Every structure is written in C-alpha cells, then in structure tokens.
Amino acid sequence: MSRLIVVYHSTYGHTKLQAEAVYQGASGVDGIKAEIMTASEAIENIDILDNADAIIFGTATYMGNIASDMKKFMEASVKKWFAGAWKNKIAGGFSNSSSFSGDKLNTLQGIVVFAMQHGMIWVGTGMFPSQNNMDAMNSIEGPGPETHNRVGSFIGPMSASFQVDPPGAPSKGDIETAELYGKRVAEITLQFVKGRE
C-alpha cells in the first residue's frame, strides 16, 4: 500500500471540509492508505510524514498568504529539509478564502516553493475551468457553485466560501473539485511508486 497524508490548517472549518474531500478522494483509490491530520498534529508527529509517498498541504488564505499555523508546520519541517527526508515524495496543495480570488494563488505558490525546497514532485489539478459544465464559460455570470474548478486553478484546488459558515460553504462544486484532486494525486502517487520499484 502507498501512503498519502493530507496536512491542513483550518480556523473556521471551511478548509477542513476541503481537506476531508481531498482525503475522501484519495482514500477511494485502491492501493492507497490515506490519512489526514491538522498542521498542529503534523508538528507533533512529524516523523510519520517520512513514511508517506505523498503529502498534500492545505490551508486557508489569510491576508493573501499562508495561514500562520501552516507556516509553523512548514518551519517545523526544517530538520526534514536538512535530512532530505521528503525528497522525491509526491506533493500537492489546496486553499480556501472568503472570495473568488483572495490572492489564493499566492498561497498555493508559497506551498509549491515549500514543496520544491523539500525536493518534492508537484501535482496540479489537471482540470479545465468549469470542467463539468463548459458552457458556463460562455456567460457573463460564469461558472456557478456546482461547477468543478470554477475558479479556474491549475496549480491546486481553490475554494471560495464568502461569508457563509460551514457546511454551507465551500460549495458543492468546490468540494467535488477537492475530492477529484485527492483522487488524482493518489493515482499519480501509485504510478510513481510503481515506476520507482
């Protein structure tokens, strides 16, 4: 079995729902043992991550950047960086904010740089904008809340919660996007592990 771990930080519960969807998508792939933990739990159990074949990082975007609790986890990983413990593991990431943009791209780019510092191999969404409703791209209103990848992110899933409390947000489409992403990362992990063997 290949091991995939989702590490996330969520203050209000929106990113937690997104993380759980990523986890569900990964766990549904035969040959994958998926696990999920908060950034705080990951700091306390950081050695567990050494045995993962893939790690997917998720955080809310605050003030256009990575949430401080996720940054604490990243900084706690410096011993792993020195040892090259996460080199050649599959990596991915996702983020939520209270608007369509919220500068989530900046957050995900920060996670990509973090993964690259560790020598990891990044997996994007592999999904067109409005993947399950391409016609929505032909209207001024654009993709609605049931649309997959409605924000049009290729680097990793982005969800928008606005001022709606969970479980009302993130939207159905954003949650399904996260689940499909977890599945994609899991499948690519299996391909990579098989090739390495």
N, C-alpha and C. Protein backbone atom coordinates (compact mmCIF):
# COMPACT_ATOMS: atom_id res chain seq x y z
N MET A 1 0.84 -1.20 0.00
CA MET A 1 0.00 0.00 0.00
C MET A 1 0.88 1.25 0.00
N SER A 2 0.49 2.22 -0.81
CA SER A 2 1.17 3.51 -0.80
C SER A 2 0.45 4.42 0.19
N ARG A 3 1.22 5.27 0.83
CA ARG A 3 0.69 6.10 1.91
C ARG A 3 0.62 7.56 1.47
N LEU A 4 -0.55 8.15 1.64
CA LEU A 4 -0.78 9.55 1.30
C LEU A 4 -1.33 10.25 2.54
N ILE A 5 -0.73 11.38 2.89
CA ILE A 5 -1.16 12.12 4.08
C ILE A 5 -1.58 13.53 3.67
N VAL A 6 -2.75 13.93 4.14
CA VAL A 6 -3.25 15.30 3.96
C VAL A 6 -2.97 16.06 5.24
N VAL A 7 -2.23 17.16 5.13
CA VAL A 7 -1.91 18.03 6.27
C VAL A 7 -2.57 19.37 6.00
N TYR A 8 -3.39 19.85 6.94
CA TYR A 8 -4.12 21.08 6.68
C TYR A 8 -4.26 21.93 7.94
N HIS A 9 -4.54 23.22 7.70
CA HIS A 9 -4.94 24.12 8.79
C HIS A 9 -6.26 24.79 8.41
N SER A 10 -7.18 24.80 9.35
CA SER A 10 -8.48 25.45 9.15
C SER A 10 -8.89 26.12 10.45
N THR A 11 -9.24 27.39 10.39
CA THR A 11 -9.68 28.10 11.59
C THR A 11 -11.18 28.03 11.76
N TYR A 12 -11.93 28.23 10.67
CA TYR A 12 -13.39 28.32 10.76
C TYR A 12 -14.11 27.06 10.27
N GLY A 13 -13.37 26.13 9.68
CA GLY A 13 -13.97 24.87 9.24
C GLY A 13 -14.13 24.72 7.74
N HIS A 14 -13.96 25.80 6.98
CA HIS A 14 -14.10 25.71 5.52
C HIS A 14 -12.99 24.85 4.91
N THR A 15 -11.76 25.13 5.28
CA THR A 15 -10.63 24.38 4.73
C THR A 15 -10.64 22.95 5.24
N LYS A 16 -11.19 22.74 6.42
CA LYS A 16 -11.33 21.37 6.95
C LYS A 16 -12.24 20.55 6.02
N LEU A 17 -13.35 21.14 5.59
CA LEU A 17 -14.24 20.43 4.67
C LEU A 17 -13.53 20.12 3.35
N GLN A 18 -12.75 21.06 2.88
CA GLN A 18 -11.98 20.86 1.65
C GLN A 18 -10.96 19.74 1.86
N ALA A 19 -10.27 19.75 3.00
CA ALA A 19 -9.27 18.72 3.32
C ALA A 19 -9.92 17.35 3.41
N GLU A 20 -11.08 17.28 4.03
CA GLU A 20 -11.78 16.00 4.14
C GLU A 20 -12.18 15.46 2.77
N ALA A 21 -12.53 16.36 1.85
CA ALA A 21 -12.87 15.95 0.49
C ALA A 21 -11.64 15.43 -0.25
N VAL A 22 -10.50 16.10 -0.09
CA VAL A 22 -9.25 15.62 -0.69
C VAL A 22 -8.94 14.23 -0.14
N TYR A 23 -9.06 14.07 1.16
CA TYR A 23 -8.82 12.78 1.82
C TYR A 23 -9.76 11.70 1.27
N GLN A 24 -11.05 12.03 1.14
CA GLN A 24 -12.02 11.06 0.62
C GLN A 24 -11.66 10.62 -0.80
N GLY A 25 -11.28 11.58 -1.62
CA GLY A 25 -10.90 11.25 -2.99
C GLY A 25 -9.70 10.33 -3.04
N ALA A 26 -8.70 10.60 -2.18
CA ALA A 26 -7.50 9.75 -2.14
C ALA A 26 -7.81 8.38 -1.58
N SER A 27 -8.65 8.32 -0.52
CA SER A 27 -8.94 7.02 0.11
C SER A 27 -9.72 6.09 -0.78
N GLY A 28 -10.41 6.64 -1.78
CA GLY A 28 -11.19 5.80 -2.68
C GLY A 28 -10.37 5.10 -3.75
N VAL A 29 -9.07 5.34 -3.76
CA VAL A 29 -8.19 4.75 -4.78
C VAL A 29 -7.57 3.47 -4.21
N ASP A 30 -7.81 2.34 -4.89
CA ASP A 30 -7.23 1.06 -4.46
C ASP A 30 -5.71 1.16 -4.43
N GLY A 31 -5.13 0.66 -3.34
CA GLY A 31 -3.68 0.68 -3.21
C GLY A 31 -3.16 1.87 -2.44
N ILE A 32 -4.07 2.76 -2.01
CA ILE A 32 -3.68 3.94 -1.25
C ILE A 32 -4.22 3.85 0.17
N LYS A 33 -3.34 4.08 1.12
CA LYS A 33 -3.76 4.25 2.52
C LYS A 33 -3.67 5.75 2.80
N ALA A 34 -4.82 6.40 2.88
CA ALA A 34 -4.85 7.85 3.09
C ALA A 34 -5.05 8.16 4.57
N GLU A 35 -4.42 9.25 5.01
CA GLU A 35 -4.55 9.73 6.38
C GLU A 35 -4.74 11.24 6.32
N ILE A 36 -5.27 11.79 7.38
CA ILE A 36 -5.48 13.24 7.44
C ILE A 36 -5.10 13.74 8.83
N MET A 37 -4.43 14.88 8.88
CA MET A 37 -4.06 15.46 10.17
C MET A 37 -3.96 16.98 10.05
N THR A 38 -4.22 17.63 11.16
CA THR A 38 -4.07 19.08 11.19
C THR A 38 -2.58 19.44 11.20
N ALA A 39 -2.28 20.68 10.91
CA ALA A 39 -0.89 21.14 10.93
C ALA A 39 -0.29 20.94 12.32
N SER A 40 -1.08 21.20 13.37
CA SER A 40 -0.59 21.02 14.75
C SER A 40 -0.27 19.56 15.03
N GLU A 41 -1.16 18.66 14.59
CA GLU A 41 -0.90 17.22 14.76
C GLU A 41 0.33 16.80 13.98
N ALA A 42 0.51 17.38 12.79
CA ALA A 42 1.67 17.04 11.96
C ALA A 42 2.97 17.50 12.62
N ILE A 43 2.95 18.62 13.31
CA ILE A 43 4.15 19.07 14.03
C ILE A 43 4.50 18.06 15.12
N GLU A 44 3.49 17.62 15.86
CA GLU A 44 3.71 16.67 16.96
C GLU A 44 4.15 15.30 16.46
N ASN A 45 3.75 14.95 15.24
CA ASN A 45 4.04 13.61 14.70
C ASN A 45 4.81 13.70 13.38
N ILE A 46 5.74 14.63 13.32
CA ILE A 46 6.37 14.94 12.03
C ILE A 46 7.13 13.77 11.42
N ASP A 47 7.63 12.86 12.24
CA ASP A 47 8.36 11.72 11.70
C ASP A 47 7.48 10.80 10.88
N ILE A 48 6.17 10.79 11.16
CA ILE A 48 5.23 9.96 10.40
C ILE A 48 5.26 10.32 8.92
N LEU A 49 5.47 11.60 8.64
CA LEU A 49 5.46 12.06 7.24
C LEU A 49 6.62 11.48 6.44
N ASP A 50 7.69 11.05 7.12
CA ASP A 50 8.83 10.47 6.41
C ASP A 50 8.43 9.20 5.66
N ASN A 51 7.42 8.51 6.17
CA ASN A 51 7.00 7.23 5.57
C ASN A 51 5.90 7.39 4.54
N ALA A 52 5.49 8.61 4.26
CA ALA A 52 4.46 8.85 3.25
C ALA A 52 5.08 8.86 1.86
N ASP A 53 4.30 8.40 0.88
CA ASP A 53 4.72 8.51 -0.51
C ASP A 53 4.25 9.84 -1.11
N ALA A 54 3.21 10.42 -0.51
CA ALA A 54 2.66 11.70 -0.97
C ALA A 54 2.15 12.49 0.22
N ILE A 55 2.32 13.81 0.14
CA ILE A 55 1.77 14.71 1.15
C ILE A 55 1.05 15.84 0.42
N ILE A 56 -0.20 16.07 0.81
CA ILE A 56 -0.99 17.17 0.23
C ILE A 56 -1.20 18.19 1.34
N PHE A 57 -0.82 19.43 1.08
CA PHE A 57 -0.87 20.51 2.06
C PHE A 57 -2.05 21.43 1.78
N GLY A 58 -2.83 21.75 2.79
CA GLY A 58 -3.97 22.65 2.61
C GLY A 58 -4.03 23.70 3.70
N THR A 59 -4.39 24.90 3.30
CA THR A 59 -4.50 25.99 4.27
C THR A 59 -5.48 27.04 3.79
N ALA A 60 -6.11 27.67 4.73
CA ALA A 60 -6.89 28.85 4.39
C ALA A 60 -5.92 29.94 3.96
N THR A 61 -6.39 30.84 3.12
CA THR A 61 -5.61 32.02 2.74
C THR A 61 -6.04 33.17 3.64
N TYR A 62 -5.09 33.74 4.36
CA TYR A 62 -5.35 34.91 5.22
C TYR A 62 -4.50 36.06 4.74
N MET A 63 -5.13 37.19 4.51
CA MET A 63 -4.42 38.38 4.06
C MET A 63 -3.53 38.05 2.85
N GLY A 64 -4.06 37.21 1.95
CA GLY A 64 -3.36 36.88 0.72
C GLY A 64 -2.18 35.95 0.89
N ASN A 65 -2.16 35.18 1.99
CA ASN A 65 -0.98 34.36 2.23
C ASN A 65 -1.32 33.12 3.03
N ILE A 66 -0.31 32.29 3.27
CA ILE A 66 -0.44 31.06 4.05
C ILE A 66 -0.77 31.40 5.50
N ALA A 67 -1.74 30.69 6.08
CA ALA A 67 -2.12 30.90 7.48
C ALA A 67 -0.93 30.60 8.40
N SER A 68 -0.85 31.34 9.50
CA SER A 68 0.32 31.24 10.39
C SER A 68 0.50 29.84 10.98
N ASP A 69 -0.59 29.12 11.27
CA ASP A 69 -0.44 27.77 11.82
C ASP A 69 0.18 26.82 10.80
N MET A 70 -0.13 27.00 9.53
CA MET A 70 0.52 26.18 8.50
C MET A 70 1.98 26.57 8.35
N LYS A 71 2.27 27.86 8.49
CA LYS A 71 3.67 28.31 8.44
C LYS A 71 4.47 27.70 9.58
N LYS A 72 3.85 27.56 10.76
CA LYS A 72 4.54 26.92 11.89
C LYS A 72 4.93 25.50 11.53
N PHE A 73 4.00 24.78 10.89
CA PHE A 73 4.31 23.42 10.45
C PHE A 73 5.46 23.44 9.45
N MET A 74 5.40 24.34 8.47
CA MET A 74 6.46 24.41 7.46
C MET A 74 7.81 24.67 8.11
N GLU A 75 7.84 25.58 9.06
CA GLU A 75 9.09 25.91 9.72
C GLU A 75 9.57 24.76 10.60
N ALA A 76 8.63 23.99 11.15
CA ALA A 76 9.00 22.83 11.97
C ALA A 76 9.62 21.72 11.12
N SER A 77 9.44 21.80 9.80
CA SER A 77 9.96 20.74 8.92
C SER A 77 11.42 20.95 8.54
N VAL A 78 12.07 21.94 9.11
CA VAL A 78 13.45 22.26 8.69
C VAL A 78 14.40 21.08 8.91
N LYS A 79 14.20 20.30 9.96
CA LYS A 79 15.06 19.13 10.19
C LYS A 79 14.88 18.10 9.06
N LYS A 80 13.67 18.02 8.56
CA LYS A 80 13.40 17.12 7.43
C LYS A 80 14.08 17.63 6.16
N TRP A 81 14.13 18.95 6.03
CA TRP A 81 14.80 19.58 4.89
C TRP A 81 16.30 19.25 4.91
N PHE A 82 16.92 19.40 6.09
CA PHE A 82 18.35 19.11 6.22
C PHE A 82 18.65 17.66 5.88
N ALA A 83 17.76 16.76 6.25
CA ALA A 83 17.97 15.33 6.03
C ALA A 83 17.52 14.86 4.65
N GLY A 84 16.83 15.73 3.91
CA GLY A 84 16.29 15.33 2.61
C GLY A 84 15.23 14.24 2.76
N ALA A 85 14.53 14.25 3.90
CA ALA A 85 13.60 13.17 4.24
C ALA A 85 12.37 13.11 3.34
N TRP A 86 12.00 14.24 2.73
CA TRP A 86 10.79 14.26 1.90
C TRP A 86 11.11 14.37 0.42
N LYS A 87 12.38 14.25 0.07
CA LYS A 87 12.79 14.35 -1.32
C LYS A 87 12.13 13.26 -2.15
N ASN A 88 11.64 13.64 -3.33
CA ASN A 88 11.01 12.74 -4.30
C ASN A 88 9.66 12.18 -3.84
N LYS A 89 9.06 12.78 -2.83
CA LYS A 89 7.68 12.44 -2.50
C LYS A 89 6.76 13.27 -3.40
N ILE A 90 5.59 12.74 -3.68
CA ILE A 90 4.59 13.49 -4.43
C ILE A 90 3.99 14.55 -3.52
N ALA A 91 3.74 15.73 -4.06
CA ALA A 91 3.17 16.83 -3.27
C ALA A 91 2.01 17.48 -4.01
N GLY A 92 1.13 18.07 -3.25
CA GLY A 92 0.03 18.85 -3.80
C GLY A 92 -0.45 19.83 -2.76
N GLY A 93 -1.38 20.71 -3.16
CA GLY A 93 -1.87 21.70 -2.21
C GLY A 93 -3.20 22.28 -2.64
N PHE A 94 -3.90 22.85 -1.66
CA PHE A 94 -5.21 23.47 -1.89
C PHE A 94 -5.40 24.60 -0.90
N SER A 95 -6.34 25.51 -1.23
CA SER A 95 -6.60 26.63 -0.33
C SER A 95 -8.04 27.13 -0.46
N ASN A 96 -8.50 27.77 0.57
CA ASN A 96 -9.83 28.38 0.64
C ASN A 96 -9.68 29.83 1.11
N SER A 97 -10.53 30.70 0.57
CA SER A 97 -10.60 32.07 1.09
C SER A 97 -12.05 32.52 1.01
N SER A 98 -12.30 33.74 1.46
CA SER A 98 -13.68 34.22 1.52
C SER A 98 -14.12 34.95 0.26
N SER A 99 -13.34 34.84 -0.82
CA SER A 99 -13.76 35.43 -2.09
C SER A 99 -13.23 34.58 -3.24
N PHE A 100 -13.63 34.91 -4.46
CA PHE A 100 -13.17 34.13 -5.60
C PHE A 100 -11.65 34.12 -5.70
N SER A 101 -11.03 35.28 -5.47
CA SER A 101 -9.57 35.34 -5.54
C SER A 101 -8.98 35.25 -4.15
N GLY A 102 -9.07 36.35 -3.41
CA GLY A 102 -8.47 36.37 -2.08
C GLY A 102 -6.96 36.19 -2.13
N ASP A 103 -6.40 36.23 -3.34
CA ASP A 103 -4.98 36.00 -3.57
C ASP A 103 -4.55 34.59 -3.17
N LYS A 104 -5.46 33.62 -3.40
CA LYS A 104 -5.13 32.22 -3.11
C LYS A 104 -3.97 31.72 -3.96
N LEU A 105 -3.78 32.29 -5.15
CA LEU A 105 -2.66 31.89 -5.99
C LEU A 105 -1.35 32.11 -5.23
N ASN A 106 -1.25 33.20 -4.54
CA ASN A 106 -0.04 33.49 -3.76
C ASN A 106 0.18 32.41 -2.70
N THR A 107 -0.90 32.00 -2.05
CA THR A 107 -0.80 30.95 -1.03
C THR A 107 -0.31 29.65 -1.65
N LEU A 108 -0.93 29.25 -2.76
CA LEU A 108 -0.53 27.99 -3.38
C LEU A 108 0.89 28.06 -3.92
N GLN A 109 1.29 29.20 -4.43
CA GLN A 109 2.68 29.33 -4.89
C GLN A 109 3.65 29.19 -3.72
N GLY A 110 3.24 29.70 -2.56
CA GLY A 110 4.06 29.52 -1.35
C GLY A 110 4.21 28.06 -0.98
N ILE A 111 3.12 27.30 -1.13
CA ILE A 111 3.17 25.87 -0.82
C ILE A 111 4.03 25.14 -1.85
N VAL A 112 3.94 25.55 -3.13
CA VAL A 112 4.78 24.95 -4.17
C VAL A 112 6.25 25.17 -3.84
N VAL A 113 6.61 26.40 -3.49
CA VAL A 113 8.01 26.70 -3.16
C VAL A 113 8.46 25.85 -1.97
N PHE A 114 7.60 25.72 -0.96
CA PHE A 114 7.91 24.88 0.19
C PHE A 114 8.18 23.44 -0.26
N ALA A 115 7.32 22.90 -1.11
CA ALA A 115 7.50 21.53 -1.61
C ALA A 115 8.78 21.42 -2.43
N MET A 116 9.09 22.42 -3.23
CA MET A 116 10.31 22.40 -4.03
C MET A 116 11.55 22.47 -3.13
N GLN A 117 11.46 23.22 -2.04
CA GLN A 117 12.57 23.28 -1.08
C GLN A 117 12.88 21.88 -0.54
N HIS A 118 11.83 21.08 -0.40
CA HIS A 118 12.00 19.71 0.10
C HIS A 118 12.32 18.72 -1.02
N GLY A 119 12.38 19.18 -2.27
CA GLY A 119 12.70 18.29 -3.38
C GLY A 119 11.54 17.40 -3.78
N MET A 120 10.31 17.85 -3.50
CA MET A 120 9.12 17.06 -3.79
C MET A 120 8.68 17.27 -5.25
N ILE A 121 7.73 16.46 -5.68
CA ILE A 121 7.24 16.49 -7.06
C ILE A 121 5.77 16.91 -7.05
N TRP A 122 5.46 18.07 -7.62
CA TRP A 122 4.14 18.69 -7.52
C TRP A 122 3.15 18.14 -8.54
N VAL A 123 1.90 17.98 -8.08
CA VAL A 123 0.80 17.57 -8.95
C VAL A 123 -0.26 18.67 -8.96
N GLY A 124 -0.63 19.15 -10.13
CA GLY A 124 -1.69 20.15 -10.28
C GLY A 124 -3.05 19.49 -10.44
N THR A 125 -4.04 20.30 -10.72
CA THR A 125 -5.41 19.78 -10.81
C THR A 125 -5.65 18.95 -12.07
N GLY A 126 -4.96 19.28 -13.15
CA GLY A 126 -5.21 18.58 -14.41
C GLY A 126 -6.64 18.76 -14.89
N MET A 127 -7.23 19.89 -14.53
CA MET A 127 -8.66 20.11 -14.76
C MET A 127 -8.88 21.46 -15.46
N PHE A 128 -9.69 21.45 -16.50
CA PHE A 128 -10.05 22.72 -17.14
C PHE A 128 -10.96 23.53 -16.22
N PRO A 129 -11.01 24.85 -16.40
CA PRO A 129 -12.01 25.64 -15.68
C PRO A 129 -13.41 25.18 -16.07
N SER A 130 -14.29 25.11 -15.11
CA SER A 130 -15.68 24.70 -15.35
C SER A 130 -15.74 23.33 -16.01
N GLN A 131 -14.91 22.43 -15.50
CA GLN A 131 -14.70 21.10 -16.10
C GLN A 131 -16.01 20.34 -16.38
N ASN A 132 -16.95 20.39 -15.46
CA ASN A 132 -18.18 19.61 -15.64
C ASN A 132 -19.33 20.41 -16.26
N ASN A 133 -19.05 21.66 -16.67
CA ASN A 133 -20.08 22.49 -17.28
C ASN A 133 -19.41 23.56 -18.14
N MET A 134 -18.80 23.13 -19.23
CA MET A 134 -18.01 24.03 -20.06
C MET A 134 -18.83 25.18 -20.64
N ASP A 135 -20.13 24.97 -20.83
CA ASP A 135 -20.98 26.04 -21.37
C ASP A 135 -21.06 27.24 -20.44
N ALA A 136 -20.82 27.03 -19.14
CA ALA A 136 -20.88 28.14 -18.18
C ALA A 136 -19.82 29.20 -18.48
N MET A 137 -18.80 28.81 -19.22
CA MET A 137 -17.75 29.77 -19.57
C MET A 137 -18.20 30.74 -20.65
N ASN A 138 -19.37 30.50 -21.22
CA ASN A 138 -19.87 31.36 -22.30
C ASN A 138 -20.87 32.39 -21.81
N SER A 139 -20.91 32.62 -20.51
CA SER A 139 -21.85 33.62 -19.98
C SER A 139 -21.10 34.59 -19.08
N ILE A 140 -21.64 35.77 -18.94
CA ILE A 140 -21.01 36.80 -18.12
C ILE A 140 -21.04 36.41 -16.63
N GLU A 141 -22.04 35.60 -16.25
CA GLU A 141 -22.13 35.15 -14.85
C GLU A 141 -21.04 34.12 -14.53
N GLY A 142 -20.60 33.40 -15.56
CA GLY A 142 -19.55 32.40 -15.36
C GLY A 142 -20.04 31.18 -14.61
N PRO A 143 -19.13 30.33 -14.19
CA PRO A 143 -19.47 29.08 -13.53
C PRO A 143 -20.16 29.29 -12.18
N GLY A 144 -21.15 28.47 -11.91
CA GLY A 144 -21.89 28.54 -10.65
C GLY A 144 -21.32 27.64 -9.58
N PRO A 145 -21.96 27.58 -8.42
CA PRO A 145 -21.43 26.87 -7.26
C PRO A 145 -21.36 25.35 -7.39
N GLU A 146 -21.99 24.78 -8.41
CA GLU A 146 -21.91 23.32 -8.58
C GLU A 146 -20.84 22.94 -9.59
N THR A 147 -20.13 23.92 -10.09
CA THR A 147 -19.14 23.71 -11.13
C THR A 147 -17.80 23.28 -10.55
N HIS A 148 -17.18 22.30 -11.20
CA HIS A 148 -15.83 21.86 -10.81
C HIS A 148 -14.81 22.87 -11.31
N ASN A 149 -13.85 23.18 -10.46
CA ASN A 149 -12.78 24.13 -10.78
C ASN A 149 -13.34 25.45 -11.30
N ARG A 150 -14.33 25.96 -10.59
CA ARG A 150 -14.99 27.19 -11.05
C ARG A 150 -14.09 28.41 -10.98
N VAL A 151 -13.04 28.36 -10.17
CA VAL A 151 -12.11 29.48 -10.09
C VAL A 151 -11.06 29.37 -11.20
N GLY A 152 -10.94 28.20 -11.81
CA GLY A 152 -10.00 28.02 -12.92
C GLY A 152 -8.56 27.89 -12.48
N SER A 153 -8.31 27.09 -11.47
CA SER A 153 -6.95 26.92 -10.95
C SER A 153 -6.33 25.63 -11.45
N PHE A 154 -5.13 25.73 -11.97
CA PHE A 154 -4.40 24.55 -12.43
C PHE A 154 -3.39 24.07 -11.40
N ILE A 155 -2.96 24.94 -10.51
CA ILE A 155 -1.90 24.62 -9.55
C ILE A 155 -2.42 23.73 -8.41
N GLY A 156 -3.68 23.92 -8.02
CA GLY A 156 -4.32 23.14 -6.96
C GLY A 156 -5.72 23.69 -6.74
N PRO A 157 -6.59 22.92 -6.08
CA PRO A 157 -7.96 23.39 -5.87
C PRO A 157 -8.04 24.68 -5.05
N MET A 158 -8.88 25.58 -5.51
CA MET A 158 -9.17 26.82 -4.79
C MET A 158 -10.66 26.85 -4.52
N SER A 159 -11.03 27.07 -3.27
CA SER A 159 -12.46 27.20 -2.95
C SER A 159 -12.74 28.58 -2.40
N ALA A 160 -13.98 29.02 -2.60
CA ALA A 160 -14.43 30.34 -2.13
C ALA A 160 -15.63 30.14 -1.22
N SER A 161 -15.52 30.65 0.00
CA SER A 161 -16.58 30.45 0.98
C SER A 161 -17.39 31.71 1.26
N PHE A 162 -16.90 32.84 0.80
CA PHE A 162 -17.55 34.12 1.06
C PHE A 162 -17.77 34.27 2.57
N GLN A 163 -18.92 34.71 3.02
CA GLN A 163 -19.16 34.85 4.46
C GLN A 163 -20.15 33.79 4.95
N VAL A 164 -20.19 32.66 4.26
CA VAL A 164 -21.12 31.58 4.57
C VAL A 164 -20.43 30.58 5.50
N ASP A 165 -21.06 30.29 6.62
CA ASP A 165 -20.49 29.33 7.57
C ASP A 165 -20.56 27.91 7.02
N PRO A 166 -19.59 27.05 7.41
CA PRO A 166 -19.69 25.65 7.03
C PRO A 166 -20.86 25.01 7.78
N PRO A 167 -21.54 24.03 7.22
CA PRO A 167 -21.22 23.34 5.99
C PRO A 167 -21.83 23.97 4.74
N GLY A 168 -22.41 25.17 4.85
CA GLY A 168 -22.98 25.83 3.69
C GLY A 168 -21.95 26.18 2.63
N ALA A 169 -20.72 26.35 3.06
CA ALA A 169 -19.62 26.64 2.15
C ALA A 169 -18.40 25.88 2.67
N PRO A 170 -17.51 25.50 1.79
CA PRO A 170 -17.44 25.72 0.36
C PRO A 170 -18.59 25.04 -0.40
N SER A 171 -18.77 25.48 -1.63
CA SER A 171 -19.87 24.99 -2.46
C SER A 171 -19.67 23.54 -2.86
N LYS A 172 -20.74 22.94 -3.34
CA LYS A 172 -20.72 21.55 -3.81
C LYS A 172 -19.63 21.34 -4.86
N GLY A 173 -19.56 22.25 -5.82
CA GLY A 173 -18.57 22.13 -6.88
C GLY A 173 -17.14 22.22 -6.36
N ASP A 174 -16.91 23.11 -5.39
CA ASP A 174 -15.57 23.25 -4.81
C ASP A 174 -15.18 22.00 -4.04
N ILE A 175 -16.12 21.42 -3.31
CA ILE A 175 -15.85 20.19 -2.55
C ILE A 175 -15.57 19.03 -3.51
N GLU A 176 -16.37 18.92 -4.57
CA GLU A 176 -16.15 17.86 -5.55
C GLU A 176 -14.81 18.04 -6.27
N THR A 177 -14.41 19.28 -6.51
CA THR A 177 -13.11 19.56 -7.11
C THR A 177 -12.00 19.03 -6.20
N ALA A 178 -12.12 19.29 -4.91
CA ALA A 178 -11.13 18.82 -3.94
C ALA A 178 -11.07 17.30 -3.91
N GLU A 179 -12.23 16.66 -3.99
CA GLU A 179 -12.27 15.20 -3.98
C GLU A 179 -11.60 14.62 -5.23
N LEU A 180 -11.90 15.20 -6.37
CA LEU A 180 -11.27 14.75 -7.62
C LEU A 180 -9.75 14.96 -7.58
N TYR A 181 -9.34 16.02 -6.94
CA TYR A 181 -7.91 16.29 -6.81
C TYR A 181 -7.23 15.24 -5.94
N GLY A 182 -7.85 14.90 -4.81
CA GLY A 182 -7.29 13.85 -3.96
C GLY A 182 -7.13 12.55 -4.72
N LYS A 183 -8.13 12.23 -5.53
CA LYS A 183 -8.08 11.02 -6.37
C LYS A 183 -6.93 11.10 -7.36
N ARG A 184 -6.78 12.26 -8.01
CA ARG A 184 -5.70 12.43 -9.00
C ARG A 184 -4.33 12.28 -8.36
N VAL A 185 -4.11 12.93 -7.23
CA VAL A 185 -2.81 12.83 -6.57
C VAL A 185 -2.53 11.39 -6.16
N ALA A 186 -3.55 10.70 -5.66
CA ALA A 186 -3.39 9.30 -5.25
C ALA A 186 -3.02 8.43 -6.45
N GLU A 187 -3.70 8.62 -7.56
CA GLU A 187 -3.42 7.81 -8.76
C GLU A 187 -2.00 8.07 -9.28
N ILE A 188 -1.58 9.31 -9.28
CA ILE A 188 -0.23 9.65 -9.74
C ILE A 188 0.81 9.10 -8.77
N THR A 189 0.48 9.11 -7.49
CA THR A 189 1.39 8.53 -6.49
C THR A 189 1.62 7.06 -6.77
N LEU A 190 0.54 6.34 -7.05
CA LEU A 190 0.67 4.91 -7.35
C LEU A 190 1.53 4.68 -8.60
N GLN A 191 1.32 5.50 -9.62
CA GLN A 191 2.11 5.38 -10.85
C GLN A 191 3.59 5.61 -10.54
N PHE A 192 3.85 6.62 -9.75
CA PHE A 192 5.23 6.98 -9.42
C PHE A 192 5.91 5.88 -8.61
N VAL A 193 5.20 5.38 -7.60
CA VAL A 193 5.76 4.34 -6.74
C VAL A 193 6.03 3.08 -7.55
N LYS A 194 5.10 2.72 -8.41
CA LYS A 194 5.26 1.53 -9.26
C LYS A 194 6.46 1.70 -10.18
N GLY A 195 6.60 2.86 -10.76
CA GLY A 195 7.75 3.13 -11.64
C GLY A 195 9.07 3.09 -10.91
N ARG A 196 9.08 3.59 -9.69
CA ARG A 196 10.30 3.62 -8.88
C ARG A 196 10.72 2.20 -8.51
N GLU A 197 9.70 1.33 -8.27
CA GLU A 197 10.01 -0.05 -7.90
C GLU A 197 10.60 -0.79 -9.08
